[in-house]
N, C-alpha and C. Protein backbone atom coordinates (compact mmCIF):
# COMPACT_ATOMS: atom_id res chain seq x y z
N MET A 1 -3.49 4.77 10.31
CA MET A 1 -3.62 3.96 9.45
C MET A 1 -2.18 2.84 9.92
N VAL A 2 -2.08 2.03 9.84
CA VAL A 2 -0.95 0.98 9.88
C VAL A 2 -0.25 0.83 9.06
N PRO A 3 1.54 0.75 9.48
CA PRO A 3 2.20 0.77 8.47
C PRO A 3 2.34 -0.60 7.29
N VAL A 4 2.46 -0.30 5.91
CA VAL A 4 2.82 -1.84 5.62
C VAL A 4 4.54 -1.79 5.22
N LEU A 5 4.65 -3.24 5.57
CA LEU A 5 5.95 -3.13 5.25
C LEU A 5 6.27 -4.19 4.72
N ILE A 6 7.19 -4.69 3.19
CA ILE A 6 7.72 -5.26 2.26
C ILE A 6 8.60 -5.79 2.43
N ILE A 7 9.10 -7.01 2.48
CA ILE A 7 10.18 -7.53 2.52
C ILE A 7 10.41 -7.77 1.03
N ASN A 8 11.79 -7.34 0.56
CA ASN A 8 11.92 -7.61 -0.51
C ASN A 8 13.83 -7.40 -0.84
N LEU A 9 14.12 -9.39 -1.29
CA LEU A 9 15.24 -8.85 -1.80
C LEU A 9 16.50 -8.13 -2.88
N ASP A 10 17.00 -7.78 -2.60
CA ASP A 10 17.75 -6.71 -3.63
C ASP A 10 18.20 -7.26 -4.68
N ARG A 11 18.12 -8.00 -5.07
CA ARG A 11 18.33 -9.03 -6.31
C ARG A 11 16.68 -9.60 -6.93
N SER A 12 15.66 -9.29 -5.82
CA SER A 12 14.64 -9.97 -7.04
C SER A 12 13.81 -8.38 -7.09
N PRO A 13 14.11 -7.64 -7.73
CA PRO A 13 13.40 -6.22 -8.36
C PRO A 13 11.82 -6.66 -8.56
N ASP A 14 11.89 -7.83 -9.95
CA ASP A 14 11.32 -7.94 -10.71
C ASP A 14 9.86 -7.83 -9.08
N ARG A 15 9.67 -8.95 -8.23
CA ARG A 15 8.66 -8.83 -7.00
C ARG A 15 8.10 -7.81 -6.54
N LEU A 16 9.63 -6.42 -6.14
CA LEU A 16 9.08 -5.04 -5.83
C LEU A 16 8.12 -4.81 -6.84
N VAL A 17 8.27 -5.02 -8.45
CA VAL A 17 7.03 -4.38 -9.08
C VAL A 17 5.84 -4.85 -9.18
N ARG A 18 5.99 -6.23 -9.04
CA ARG A 18 4.56 -6.90 -8.61
C ARG A 18 4.05 -6.29 -7.63
N MET A 19 4.46 -6.18 -6.18
CA MET A 19 3.91 -5.76 -5.30
C MET A 19 3.94 -4.26 -5.29
N GLN A 20 4.11 -3.38 -6.34
CA GLN A 20 3.92 -2.68 -6.07
C GLN A 20 2.94 -1.51 -7.14
N THR A 21 2.49 -2.91 -8.07
CA THR A 21 1.34 -2.71 -8.73
C THR A 21 -0.07 -3.45 -7.89
N GLU A 22 -0.08 -4.61 -7.23
CA GLU A 22 -0.59 -4.65 -5.98
C GLU A 22 -1.32 -3.63 -5.40
N THR A 23 -0.11 -2.67 -4.68
CA THR A 23 -0.74 -1.85 -3.55
C THR A 23 -1.07 -1.16 -4.23
N GLU A 24 -0.52 0.15 -5.55
CA GLU A 24 -1.11 1.19 -6.11
C GLU A 24 -2.39 0.60 -6.30
N GLN A 25 -3.12 -0.64 -7.11
CA GLN A 25 -4.48 -0.35 -7.44
C GLN A 25 -4.94 -0.50 -6.06
N ALA A 26 -4.71 -1.13 -5.19
CA ALA A 26 -5.60 -0.71 -3.93
C ALA A 26 -5.56 0.26 -2.49
N GLY A 27 -4.64 0.72 -3.67
CA GLY A 27 -4.55 2.21 -3.00
C GLY A 27 -3.71 2.40 -1.36
N ILE A 28 -2.90 1.24 -1.56
CA ILE A 28 -2.00 0.93 -0.53
C ILE A 28 -0.97 1.32 0.05
N ALA A 29 0.08 1.84 0.69
CA ALA A 29 0.99 2.95 0.50
C ALA A 29 2.00 2.02 1.58
N PHE A 30 3.91 1.34 1.40
CA PHE A 30 3.98 0.77 1.72
C PHE A 30 5.59 0.90 1.80
N GLU A 31 6.24 0.49 3.11
CA GLU A 31 7.58 1.21 2.71
C GLU A 31 7.88 -0.48 2.57
N ARG A 32 9.15 -0.09 1.70
CA ARG A 32 10.05 -1.64 1.56
C ARG A 32 11.48 -1.15 2.68
N VAL A 33 11.66 -3.05 2.95
CA VAL A 33 12.03 -3.32 3.82
C VAL A 33 13.26 -4.17 3.47
N ALA A 34 14.24 -4.03 2.97
CA ALA A 34 15.54 -4.86 2.06
C ALA A 34 15.90 -6.92 2.94
N ALA A 35 15.66 -7.17 2.33
CA ALA A 35 15.57 -8.60 2.73
C ALA A 35 16.88 -9.20 2.85
N VAL A 36 16.75 -10.17 4.37
CA VAL A 36 18.09 -10.01 4.76
C VAL A 36 19.02 -11.59 3.36
N ASP A 37 19.43 -11.50 2.84
CA ASP A 37 19.75 -12.21 1.77
C ASP A 37 20.81 -14.11 2.70
N GLY A 38 20.21 -14.77 2.64
CA GLY A 38 21.09 -15.47 3.54
C GLY A 38 22.40 -16.34 2.07
N LEU A 39 21.81 -15.97 1.26
CA LEU A 39 23.16 -16.28 0.62
C LEU A 39 24.33 -15.41 0.98
N ALA A 40 24.01 -14.35 1.14
CA ALA A 40 25.44 -13.69 1.29
C ALA A 40 25.97 -13.04 2.87
N GLY A 41 25.42 -14.24 3.73
CA GLY A 41 25.45 -14.04 5.44
C GLY A 41 24.71 -12.99 5.77
N LEU A 42 24.67 -13.38 7.94
CA LEU A 42 24.09 -12.95 8.23
C LEU A 42 24.61 -11.22 9.12
N PRO A 43 23.52 -10.42 8.90
CA PRO A 43 24.23 -9.55 9.55
C PRO A 43 24.10 -9.75 11.19
N ARG A 44 25.72 -8.98 11.35
CA ARG A 44 26.28 -9.39 12.64
C ARG A 44 25.57 -9.06 13.81
N GLU A 45 24.41 -8.12 14.02
CA GLU A 45 23.39 -7.97 14.93
C GLU A 45 22.57 -9.22 14.90
N ILE A 46 22.06 -10.04 14.02
CA ILE A 46 21.27 -11.22 14.02
C ILE A 46 21.70 -12.27 13.65
N ALA A 47 23.16 -12.57 13.75
CA ALA A 47 23.76 -14.22 13.58
C ALA A 47 23.61 -14.67 14.92
N ALA A 48 23.57 -13.57 15.83
CA ALA A 48 23.88 -14.49 17.23
C ALA A 48 22.75 -14.97 17.65
N TYR A 49 21.64 -14.92 16.81
CA TYR A 49 20.35 -15.66 16.96
C TYR A 49 20.31 -17.19 16.78
N PHE A 50 20.67 -17.53 15.41
CA PHE A 50 20.98 -18.96 14.67
C PHE A 50 22.45 -19.52 15.14
N ALA A 51 22.28 -20.56 16.54
CA ALA A 51 23.01 -21.36 17.20
C ALA A 51 23.67 -21.77 16.16
N SER A 52 23.16 -22.32 14.86
CA SER A 52 23.55 -23.27 14.02
C SER A 52 23.05 -23.53 12.92
N PRO A 53 23.04 -22.09 11.96
CA PRO A 53 22.74 -21.58 11.43
C PRO A 53 22.82 -23.04 9.97
N HIS A 54 24.12 -23.29 9.58
CA HIS A 54 24.38 -24.23 9.19
C HIS A 54 23.37 -25.30 9.08
N THR A 55 21.55 -25.37 9.56
CA THR A 55 20.97 -26.65 10.06
C THR A 55 19.60 -25.79 8.67
N LEU A 56 19.97 -25.24 8.17
CA LEU A 56 18.92 -24.74 7.55
C LEU A 56 19.15 -24.07 6.32
N THR A 57 18.45 -23.68 5.19
CA THR A 57 19.09 -23.19 4.16
C THR A 57 18.84 -22.11 3.88
N PRO A 58 20.12 -21.80 3.19
CA PRO A 58 20.79 -20.39 3.39
C PRO A 58 19.09 -19.64 2.66
N SER A 59 18.39 -20.33 2.21
CA SER A 59 16.99 -19.46 2.25
C SER A 59 15.93 -18.89 3.56
N GLN A 60 16.24 -20.31 4.10
CA GLN A 60 15.10 -19.96 5.82
C GLN A 60 15.98 -19.18 6.97
N VAL A 61 17.41 -19.26 6.63
CA VAL A 61 17.90 -18.22 7.14
C VAL A 61 17.82 -16.61 6.61
N GLY A 62 17.34 -16.29 5.65
CA GLY A 62 17.61 -15.08 5.15
C GLY A 62 15.84 -15.04 5.76
N CYS A 63 14.67 -15.66 5.56
CA CYS A 63 13.22 -14.81 5.45
C CYS A 63 13.51 -14.77 7.34
N SER A 64 13.59 -15.72 8.24
CA SER A 64 13.94 -16.34 9.46
C SER A 64 14.79 -14.29 9.63
N ALA A 65 15.90 -14.17 9.17
CA ALA A 65 16.63 -13.67 9.78
C ALA A 65 15.79 -11.56 9.10
N SER A 66 15.12 -11.85 7.85
CA SER A 66 14.61 -10.35 7.39
C SER A 66 13.60 -9.96 7.98
N HIS A 67 12.56 -11.10 9.29
CA HIS A 67 11.72 -10.75 9.75
C HIS A 67 12.09 -11.02 11.07
N MET A 68 13.41 -11.29 11.92
CA MET A 68 13.18 -10.37 12.89
C MET A 68 13.77 -8.93 12.67
N LYS A 69 13.74 -9.08 11.53
CA LYS A 69 14.69 -7.61 11.52
C LYS A 69 13.42 -6.75 10.92
N VAL A 70 12.24 -7.04 10.56
CA VAL A 70 11.63 -6.32 10.72
C VAL A 70 10.43 -5.68 12.08
N MET A 71 10.57 -7.15 12.85
CA MET A 71 10.04 -7.69 14.10
C MET A 71 11.50 -6.24 15.24
N ARG A 72 12.80 -5.79 14.95
CA ARG A 72 13.62 -4.86 15.61
C ARG A 72 12.97 -3.27 14.62
N LEU A 73 11.95 -3.06 13.67
CA LEU A 73 11.66 -1.85 13.62
C LEU A 73 10.87 -1.77 13.77
N ILE A 74 10.02 -2.68 13.90
CA ILE A 74 9.10 -1.66 14.88
C ILE A 74 8.92 -1.63 16.01
N VAL A 75 9.87 -2.76 16.95
CA VAL A 75 10.02 -2.34 17.96
C VAL A 75 10.63 -1.06 18.69
N GLU A 76 11.70 -0.45 17.76
CA GLU A 76 12.09 0.19 17.34
C GLU A 76 11.77 1.72 17.44
N ARG A 77 10.52 1.54 16.14
CA ARG A 77 9.84 2.70 16.07
C ARG A 77 8.68 2.78 17.14
N ASN A 78 8.51 1.65 18.27
CA ASN A 78 7.03 2.09 18.73
C ASN A 78 6.28 1.66 18.19
N LEU A 79 5.86 0.81 17.17
CA LEU A 79 4.47 1.27 16.31
C LEU A 79 4.09 -0.03 17.67
N PRO A 80 1.94 0.37 17.47
CA PRO A 80 1.27 -0.15 17.95
C PRO A 80 1.06 -1.95 17.49
N ALA A 81 1.48 -1.54 15.64
CA ALA A 81 1.35 -2.83 14.59
C ALA A 81 1.76 -2.45 13.08
N ALA A 82 1.91 -3.42 12.66
CA ALA A 82 1.79 -3.37 11.70
C ALA A 82 2.00 -4.59 10.95
N LEU A 83 1.73 -4.28 9.40
CA LEU A 83 1.01 -4.71 8.06
C LEU A 83 2.78 -5.87 7.24
N VAL A 84 2.85 -6.97 7.46
CA VAL A 84 4.14 -7.28 7.45
C VAL A 84 4.10 -8.50 5.49
């Protein structure tokens, strides 16, 4: 079965509840991946990929960095595929 990874901001528990409800109804198990909060700054291991993060909004940086985080997780786990 293809792993399902849901990116979710710690400060958005309401969105996680909504996703839990939807996935439970569909019979889908998922793993929550904590999103990178662009307002809180970038993790050191991801910051180098953003040569000029000030040209993007904090939300854009957080979204991009969160997806990079998931891509790294997929590579580290040697997953052939994942649904994000």
